[in-house]
Amino acid sequence: MLPYIDHIHITVENLERAEAFYDKLLPLLGFDLSLKEHDSVPEHQYEIVEYHHNCLSIGLVNSRKQNKNEKVNRRKAGALHHLAFHVDSLEEIDSLYLKIRDIPSVIVHKPQYYPEYCDDYYALFFKDSEGIEYELVNFNRNKYFPRVVKE
C-alpha cells in the first residue's frame, strides 16, 4: 500500500470567508474550481464546501454554533498543526509566495532554507483566513526517504 491521503476536511469559523480565501489559494495549487461542491445536512448543523483534484480533495466544514467563539489553536490536542504541500521547484515557491501574499494571507515565514530539517529544505509558511497554517516546501524527498519496494 502507498500511503496517499484521499481527502482532508478542515473546520473553519466562517465558511463564507474561508471559501473566498480558498477560491483564490487552491487554483494556485492546481485545483480546478469547476470541481468545487457544496453540501449541507441541516439537522447536524453541517455545511461543507469541497474542492476536488484527482490527487486530493479538501473540504471546508462550518463550525458548530456552540464552538463559534473558539479560536484556532494548532497546539491543542486533536488540532491540525499545519498542512504542507510539496512544490516542484524553489522558483515555484518564490512565485507562489508573491501570489499568496496578495490574496491576502498572513505570511509566517518568507521562502527560505531550513537546514535544521535537511540541507535542501526550502519552504514558505503562511496562514489562511481562519488562522490555519500552511507550508509550501521543496526538497529532495527521495534522497532522505527512499521508496521501498516490496516483492
C-alpha atoms as a PDB file:
ATOM      1  CA  MET A   1       0.000   0.000   0.000  1.00  0.00           C
ATOM      2  CA  LEU A   2       1.137   3.518  -0.773  1.00  0.00           C
ATOM      3  CA  PRO A   3       0.049   5.990   1.928  1.00  0.00           C
ATOM      4  CA  TYR A   4      -1.844   8.547  -0.158  1.00  0.00           C
ATOM      5  CA  ILE A   5      -4.260  10.925   1.539  1.00  0.00           C
ATOM      6  CA  ASP A   6      -7.629  10.936  -0.219  1.00  0.00           C
ATOM      7  CA  HIS A   7      -9.273  13.936   1.431  1.00  0.00           C
ATOM      8  CA  ILE A   8      -8.903  16.372   4.293  1.00  0.00           C
ATOM      9  CA  HIS A   9     -11.801  18.228   5.929  1.00  0.00           C
ATOM     10  CA  ILE A  10     -10.951  21.348   7.905  1.00  0.00           C
ATOM     11  CA  THR A  11     -13.400  23.007  10.300  1.00  0.00           C
ATOM     12  CA  VAL A  12     -13.480  26.786   9.862  1.00  0.00           C
ATOM     13  CA  GLU A  13     -15.016  29.562  11.920  1.00  0.00           C
ATOM     14  CA  ASN A  14     -16.539  31.430   8.978  1.00  0.00           C
ATOM     15  CA  LEU A  15     -17.382  29.279   5.955  1.00  0.00           C
ATOM     16  CA  GLU A  16     -18.070  32.187   3.590  1.00  0.00           C
ATOM     17  CA  ARG A  17     -14.805  33.964   4.463  1.00  0.00           C
ATOM     18  CA  ALA A  18     -12.853  30.709   4.174  1.00  0.00           C
ATOM     19  CA  GLU A  19     -14.452  29.877   0.811  1.00  0.00           C
ATOM     20  CA  ALA A  20     -13.461  33.282  -0.588  1.00  0.00           C
ATOM     21  CA  PHE A  21      -9.862  32.679   0.563  1.00  0.00           C
ATOM     22  CA  TYR A  22      -9.635  29.096  -0.740  1.00  0.00           C
ATOM     23  CA  ASP A  23     -11.195  30.110  -4.063  1.00  0.00           C
ATOM     24  CA  LYS A  24      -8.028  32.185  -4.547  1.00  0.00           C
ATOM     25  CA  LEU A  25      -5.496  29.810  -2.942  1.00  0.00           C
ATOM     26  CA  LEU A  26      -6.406  26.387  -4.275  1.00  0.00           C
ATOM     27  CA  PRO A  27      -6.212  27.201  -8.012  1.00  0.00           C
ATOM     28  CA  LEU A  28      -2.598  28.255  -7.328  1.00  0.00           C
ATOM     29  CA  LEU A  29      -2.032  24.721  -6.013  1.00  0.00           C
ATOM     30  CA  GLY A  30      -3.587  23.030  -9.049  1.00  0.00           C
ATOM     31  CA  PHE A  31      -7.259  22.751  -8.067  1.00  0.00           C
ATOM     32  CA  ASP A  32      -9.977  23.415 -10.659  1.00  0.00           C
ATOM     33  CA  LEU A  33     -12.830  25.470  -9.182  1.00  0.00           C
ATOM     34  CA  SER A  34     -15.292  23.895 -11.610  1.00  0.00           C
ATOM     35  CA  LEU A  35     -14.976  20.720  -9.478  1.00  0.00           C
ATOM     36  CA  LYS A  36     -15.990  22.541  -6.270  1.00  0.00           C
ATOM     37  CA  GLU A  37     -19.094  21.224  -4.496  1.00  0.00           C
ATOM     38  CA  HIS A  38     -21.417  22.493  -1.761  1.00  0.00           C
ATOM     39  CA  ASP A  39     -23.449  20.264   0.544  1.00  0.00           C
ATOM     40  CA  SER A  40     -25.300  20.550   3.826  1.00  0.00           C
ATOM     41  CA  VAL A  41     -27.043  18.418   6.414  1.00  0.00           C
ATOM     42  CA  PRO A  42     -29.134  20.961   8.382  1.00  0.00           C
ATOM     43  CA  GLU A  43     -30.176  18.527  11.108  1.00  0.00           C
ATOM     44  CA  HIS A  44     -26.475  18.124  12.012  1.00  0.00           C
ATOM     45  CA  GLN A  45     -25.559  21.826  11.591  1.00  0.00           C
ATOM     46  CA  TYR A  46     -23.216  20.630   8.837  1.00  0.00           C
ATOM     47  CA  GLU A  47     -22.218  22.602   5.775  1.00  0.00           C
ATOM     48  CA  ILE A  48     -19.264  21.804   3.547  1.00  0.00           C
ATOM     49  CA  VAL A  49     -17.504  23.318   0.570  1.00  0.00           C
ATOM     50  CA  GLU A  50     -15.339  20.674  -1.058  1.00  0.00           C
ATOM     51  CA  TYR A  51     -12.557  21.258  -3.570  1.00  0.00           C
ATOM     52  CA  HIS A  52     -11.569  18.276  -5.687  1.00  0.00           C
ATOM     53  CA  HIS A  53      -8.419  17.315  -7.542  1.00  0.00           C
ATOM     54  CA  ASN A  54      -7.576  13.848  -8.805  1.00  0.00           C
ATOM     55  CA  CYS A  55      -4.810  13.674  -6.163  1.00  0.00           C
ATOM     56  CA  LEU A  56      -6.678  15.075  -3.145  1.00  0.00           C
ATOM     57  CA  SER A  57      -9.915  16.687  -2.000  1.00  0.00           C
ATOM     58  CA  ILE A  58     -10.033  19.464   0.590  1.00  0.00           C
ATOM     59  CA  GLY A  59     -13.256  20.228   2.405  1.00  0.00           C
ATOM     60  CA  LEU A  60     -14.137  23.270   4.478  1.00  0.00           C
ATOM     61  CA  VAL A  61     -16.672  22.454   7.176  1.00  0.00           C
ATOM     62  CA  ASN A  62     -18.575  25.009   9.239  1.00  0.00           C
ATOM     63  CA  SER A  63     -18.009  25.211  12.976  1.00  0.00           C
ATOM     64  CA  ARG A  64     -20.947  24.234  15.165  1.00  0.00           C
ATOM     65  CA  LYS A  65     -22.751  27.116  16.880  1.00  0.00           C
ATOM     66  CA  GLN A  66     -21.621  26.045  20.362  1.00  0.00           C
ATOM     67  CA  ASN A  67     -17.968  26.257  19.208  1.00  0.00           C
ATOM     68  CA  LYS A  68     -18.329  29.564  17.378  1.00  0.00           C
ATOM     69  CA  ASN A  69     -16.148  31.638  19.738  1.00  0.00           C
ATOM     70  CA  GLU A  70     -13.258  29.179  19.972  1.00  0.00           C
ATOM     71  CA  LYS A  71     -10.076  30.354  18.280  1.00  0.00           C
ATOM     72  CA  VAL A  72      -7.710  28.194  16.253  1.00  0.00           C
ATOM     73  CA  ASN A  73      -5.028  26.669  18.452  1.00  0.00           C
ATOM     74  CA  ARG A  74      -2.676  24.468  16.488  1.00  0.00           C
ATOM     75  CA  ARG A  75      -1.081  23.175  19.700  1.00  0.00           C
ATOM     76  CA  LYS A  76      -4.374  21.864  21.110  1.00  0.00           C
ATOM     77  CA  ALA A  77      -4.764  18.079  21.140  1.00  0.00           C
ATOM     78  CA  GLY A  78      -6.631  16.915  18.064  1.00  0.00           C
ATOM     79  CA  ALA A  79      -5.900  20.124  16.139  1.00  0.00           C
ATOM     80  CA  LEU A  80      -4.208  20.422  12.770  1.00  0.00           C
ATOM     81  CA  HIS A  81      -0.733  21.864  13.434  1.00  0.00           C
ATOM     82  CA  HIS A  82      -0.116  22.713   9.779  1.00  0.00           C
ATOM     83  CA  LEU A  83      -0.542  21.222   6.339  1.00  0.00           C
ATOM     84  CA  ALA A  84       2.341  21.120   3.852  1.00  0.00           C
ATOM     85  CA  PHE A  85       2.197  20.847   0.068  1.00  0.00           C
ATOM     86  CA  HIS A  86       5.265  19.651  -1.826  1.00  0.00           C
ATOM     87  CA  VAL A  87       6.127  22.022  -4.676  1.00  0.00           C
ATOM     88  CA  ASP A  88       8.228  21.031  -7.692  1.00  0.00           C
ATOM     89  CA  SER A  89      10.847  23.797  -7.516  1.00  0.00           C
ATOM     90  CA  LEU A  90      12.247  26.647  -5.442  1.00  0.00           C
ATOM     91  CA  GLU A  91      11.280  29.075  -8.203  1.00  0.00           C
ATOM     92  CA  GLU A  92       7.680  27.910  -7.984  1.00  0.00           C
ATOM     93  CA  ILE A  93       7.650  28.534  -4.216  1.00  0.00           C
ATOM     94  CA  ASP A  94       9.030  32.045  -4.792  1.00  0.00           C
ATOM     95  CA  SER A  95       6.383  32.716  -7.448  1.00  0.00           C
ATOM     96  CA  LEU A  96       3.574  31.335  -5.270  1.00  0.00           C
ATOM     97  CA  TYR A  97       4.771  33.462  -2.354  1.00  0.00           C
ATOM     98  CA  LEU A  98       4.036  36.641  -4.307  1.00  0.00           C
ATOM     99  CA  LYS A  99       0.572  35.392  -5.293  1.00  0.00           C
ATOM    100  CA  ILE A 100      -0.346  34.067  -1.834  1.00  0.00           C
ATOM    101  CA  ARG A 101       0.832  37.275  -0.183  1.00  0.00           C
ATOM    102  CA  ASP A 102      -1.572  39.192  -2.414  1.00  0.00           C
ATOM    103  CA  ILE A 103      -4.667  37.024  -1.631  1.00  0.00           C
ATOM    104  CA  PRO A 104      -4.069  38.383   1.169  1.00  0.00           C
ATOM    105  CA  SER A 105      -2.769  35.907   3.706  1.00  0.00           C
ATOM    106  CA  VAL A 106      -0.610  36.139   6.794  1.00  0.00           C
ATOM    107  CA  ILE A 107       2.962  35.264   5.883  1.00  0.00           C
ATOM    108  CA  VAL A 108       4.554  33.488   8.837  1.00  0.00           C
ATOM    109  CA  HIS A 109       7.974  32.938   7.207  1.00  0.00           C
ATOM    110  CA  LYS A 110       9.013  34.088   3.740  1.00  0.00           C
ATOM    111  CA  PRO A 111      10.584  31.462   1.476  1.00  0.00           C
ATOM    112  CA  GLN A 112      13.935  30.364   2.846  1.00  0.00           C
ATOM    113  CA  TYR A 113      16.117  27.346   3.511  1.00  0.00           C
ATOM    114  CA  TYR A 114      15.667  25.354   6.717  1.00  0.00           C
ATOM    115  CA  PRO A 115      18.910  23.375   7.080  1.00  0.00           C
ATOM    116  CA  GLU A 116      17.768  22.197  10.519  1.00  0.00           C
ATOM    117  CA  TYR A 117      15.260  19.964   8.671  1.00  0.00           C
ATOM    118  CA  CYS A 118      17.645  18.899   5.882  1.00  0.00           C
ATOM    119  CA  ASP A 119      20.253  20.599   3.675  1.00  0.00           C
ATOM    120  CA  ASP A 120      17.946  21.402   0.754  1.00  0.00           C
ATOM    121  CA  TYR A 121      14.669  22.075   2.637  1.00  0.00           C
ATOM    122  CA  TYR A 122      13.167  25.278   1.186  1.00  0.00           C
ATOM    123  CA  ALA A 123       9.778  26.424   2.429  1.00  0.00           C
ATOM    124  CA  LEU A 124       7.188  29.164   2.771  1.00  0.00           C
ATOM    125  CA  PHE A 125       4.818  29.264   5.777  1.00  0.00           C
ATOM    126  CA  PHE A 126       1.543  31.213   5.772  1.00  0.00           C
ATOM    127  CA  LYS A 127      -1.873  31.261   7.442  1.00  0.00           C
ATOM    128  CA  ASP A 128      -5.271  31.214   5.785  1.00  0.00           C
ATOM    129  CA  SER A 129      -8.234  33.466   6.565  1.00  0.00           C
ATOM    130  CA  GLU A 130      -9.083  31.292   9.597  1.00  0.00           C
ATOM    131  CA  GLY A 131      -5.596  31.239  11.154  1.00  0.00           C
ATOM    132  CA  ILE A 132      -4.735  27.727   9.910  1.00  0.00           C
ATOM    133  CA  GLU A 133      -1.066  27.370   8.974  1.00  0.00           C
ATOM    134  CA  TYR A 134       0.146  26.016   5.637  1.00  0.00           C
ATOM    135  CA  GLU A 135       3.546  25.288   4.206  1.00  0.00           C
ATOM    136  CA  LEU A 136       4.816  25.050   0.647  1.00  0.00           C
ATOM    137  CA  VAL A 137       8.006  23.009   0.597  1.00  0.00           C
ATOM    138  CA  ASN A 138      10.610  21.698  -1.797  1.00  0.00           C
ATOM    139  CA  PHE A 139      13.375  19.223  -1.006  1.00  0.00           C
ATOM    140  CA  ASN A 140      14.685  16.000  -2.498  1.00  0.00           C
ATOM    141  CA  ARG A 141      12.319  13.670  -0.668  1.00  0.00           C
ATOM    142  CA  ASN A 142      13.712  10.559  -2.355  1.00  0.00           C
ATOM    143  CA  LYS A 143      17.208  11.330  -1.048  1.00  0.00           C
ATOM    144  CA  TYR A 144      16.047  11.232   2.583  1.00  0.00           C
ATOM    145  CA  PHE A 145      13.168   8.776   2.312  1.00  0.00           C
ATOM    146  CA  PRO A 146      13.910   6.266  -0.444  1.00  0.00           C
ATOM    147  CA  ARG A 147      10.951   4.322  -1.723  1.00  0.00           C
ATOM    148  CA  VAL A 148      10.937   0.753  -0.516  1.00  0.00           C
ATOM    149  CA  VAL A 149       9.542  -1.728  -3.000  1.00  0.00           C
ATOM    150  CA  LYS A 150       8.135  -4.913  -1.515  1.00  0.00           C
ATOM    151  CA  GLU A 151       8.451  -8.079  -3.544  1.00  0.00           C
END
